[in-house]
Amino acid sequence: MGYETLIVDQAGEVATVTLNRPEARNALDFAMRRELLAALDEIEGNPTTRVVVLTGAGGHFCAGGDVKTMRRRHTAAEARAVRQATAEVQGGVTGATASEPEPGSAQSPAAGPRACAARA
């Protein structure tokens, strides 16, 4: 599937998802959240995938939520859709399971309310 804000690559058992909005330091806007959810669903449906690498383009991982797009007024339906997409992305990332644990590492510290310590 083609994405506007992500680059998804599958090499053997490794799927790499690159956040690709370097001009915004890969800040998550609504389009990226929807695409990230779709990409995670696509990867989950691939039985050969054992590892998912989440990275960012342009020397930045992710600046967080895109405040510029948050300023825009939303209808009640749009606000519900944003909350639902956010919850689904968080659930997809934090709720992933594997039959065997895989070692992981982080190039730099992870921070935020849902940050997990990566063990090498």
Protein backbone atom coordinates (compact mmCIF):
# COMPACT_ATOMS: atom_id res chain seq x y z
CA MET A 1 0.00 0.00 0.00
CA GLY A 2 1.26 3.51 -0.74
CA TYR A 3 1.53 6.13 1.98
CA GLU A 4 2.04 9.91 1.89
CA THR A 5 3.62 10.34 5.34
CA LEU A 6 5.32 6.97 5.85
CA ILE A 7 7.84 4.77 4.12
CA VAL A 8 7.19 1.08 4.77
CA ASP A 9 9.81 -1.47 3.79
CA GLN A 10 9.79 -5.24 4.30
CA ALA A 11 13.11 -7.10 4.16
CA GLY A 12 12.68 -10.71 5.13
CA GLU A 13 11.38 -10.88 8.70
CA VAL A 14 12.00 -7.17 9.36
CA ALA A 15 9.46 -4.45 8.60
CA THR A 16 10.74 -0.88 8.80
CA VAL A 17 8.30 2.00 9.18
CA THR A 18 9.85 5.43 8.62
CA LEU A 19 7.94 8.52 9.69
CA ASN A 20 8.44 10.76 6.66
CA ARG A 21 7.60 14.37 7.48
CA PRO A 22 11.12 15.69 8.10
CA GLU A 23 10.05 19.29 7.39
CA ALA A 24 7.85 19.00 10.52
CA ARG A 25 10.37 16.87 12.45
CA ASN A 26 8.03 13.93 11.80
CA ALA A 27 5.31 15.38 14.04
CA LEU A 28 2.18 13.25 14.05
CA ASP A 29 -0.72 14.84 12.23
CA PHE A 30 -4.08 13.14 11.68
CA ALA A 31 -3.05 11.77 8.26
CA MET A 32 0.10 10.19 9.69
CA ARG A 33 -1.86 8.64 12.56
CA ARG A 34 -4.32 7.04 10.12
CA GLU A 35 -1.48 5.82 7.89
CA LEU A 36 0.46 4.45 10.87
CA LEU A 37 -2.57 2.46 11.95
CA ALA A 38 -3.04 1.10 8.41
CA ALA A 39 0.68 0.23 8.15
CA LEU A 40 0.64 -1.61 11.48
CA ASP A 41 -2.45 -3.55 10.37
CA GLU A 42 -0.71 -4.42 7.11
CA ILE A 43 2.44 -5.57 8.93
CA GLU A 44 0.43 -7.57 11.46
CA GLY A 45 -1.23 -9.39 8.57
CA ASN A 46 2.14 -10.53 7.22
CA PRO A 47 2.98 -13.86 8.91
CA THR A 48 6.69 -13.58 8.05
CA THR A 49 7.21 -10.36 10.02
CA ARG A 50 8.98 -10.91 13.33
CA VAL A 51 10.48 -7.46 13.95
CA VAL A 52 9.15 -3.96 13.39
CA VAL A 53 11.58 -1.04 13.35
CA LEU A 54 10.01 2.39 13.81
CA THR A 55 12.27 5.27 12.76
CA GLY A 56 12.12 8.83 11.48
CA ALA A 57 13.44 10.56 8.36
CA GLY A 58 15.70 13.60 8.33
CA GLY A 59 17.64 12.98 11.52
CA HIS A 60 14.59 13.21 13.80
CA PHE A 61 12.45 10.43 15.21
CA CYS A 62 9.22 12.25 16.12
CA ALA A 63 8.52 15.64 17.66
CA GLY A 64 5.17 14.42 19.04
CA GLY A 65 1.78 15.72 17.98
CA ASP A 66 1.68 18.33 15.23
CA VAL A 67 0.54 21.41 17.16
CA LYS A 68 -0.11 23.37 13.95
CA THR A 69 -2.79 20.91 12.89
CA MET A 70 -4.23 20.85 16.43
CA ARG A 71 -4.98 24.57 16.20
CA ARG A 72 -7.47 24.02 13.41
CA ARG A 73 -11.08 23.88 14.57
CA HIS A 74 -12.64 20.46 14.30
CA THR A 75 -16.23 19.35 14.16
CA ALA A 76 -17.33 16.98 16.93
CA ALA A 77 -17.14 14.07 14.47
CA GLU A 78 -13.57 14.99 13.46
CA ALA A 79 -12.53 15.27 17.11
CA ARG A 80 -13.97 11.79 17.84
CA ALA A 81 -12.14 10.38 14.80
CA VAL A 82 -8.84 11.90 15.98
CA ARG A 83 -9.28 10.45 19.49
CA GLN A 84 -10.20 7.03 18.08
CA ALA A 85 -7.23 6.97 15.67
CA THR A 86 -4.87 8.02 18.47
CA ALA A 87 -6.14 5.28 20.77
CA GLU A 88 -5.90 2.67 18.01
CA VAL A 89 -2.32 3.64 17.12
CA GLN A 90 -1.30 3.56 20.79
CA GLY A 91 -2.99 0.18 21.21
CA GLY A 92 -1.33 -1.16 18.07
CA VAL A 93 2.12 -0.09 19.18
CA THR A 94 1.88 -0.95 22.88
CA GLY A 95 -0.36 -3.99 22.49
CA ALA A 96 1.77 -5.86 19.97
CA THR A 97 2.67 -9.38 20.99
CA ALA A 98 5.12 -11.91 19.64
CA SER A 99 5.53 -15.63 20.10
CA GLU A 100 9.13 -15.08 21.19
CA PRO A 101 10.61 -11.88 22.61
CA GLU A 102 13.01 -10.03 20.35
CA PRO A 103 15.89 -7.94 21.67
CA GLY A 104 15.67 -4.26 20.89
CA SER A 105 17.64 -1.09 21.31
CA ALA A 106 17.15 2.64 20.99
CA GLN A 107 19.61 5.06 19.44
CA SER A 108 18.46 7.77 21.82
CA PRO A 109 16.29 7.97 24.94
CA ALA A 110 12.54 7.54 24.58
CA ALA A 111 10.38 10.00 26.48
CA GLY A 112 6.70 10.57 26.97
CA PRO A 113 3.81 9.10 28.92
CA ARG A 114 3.95 5.75 27.11
CA ALA A 115 7.71 5.46 26.68
CA CYS A 116 9.16 2.03 27.19
CA ALA A 117 12.74 1.21 28.08
CA ALA A 118 14.44 -0.65 25.28
CA ARG A 119 16.70 -3.48 26.38
CA ALA A 120 19.70 -4.46 24.34
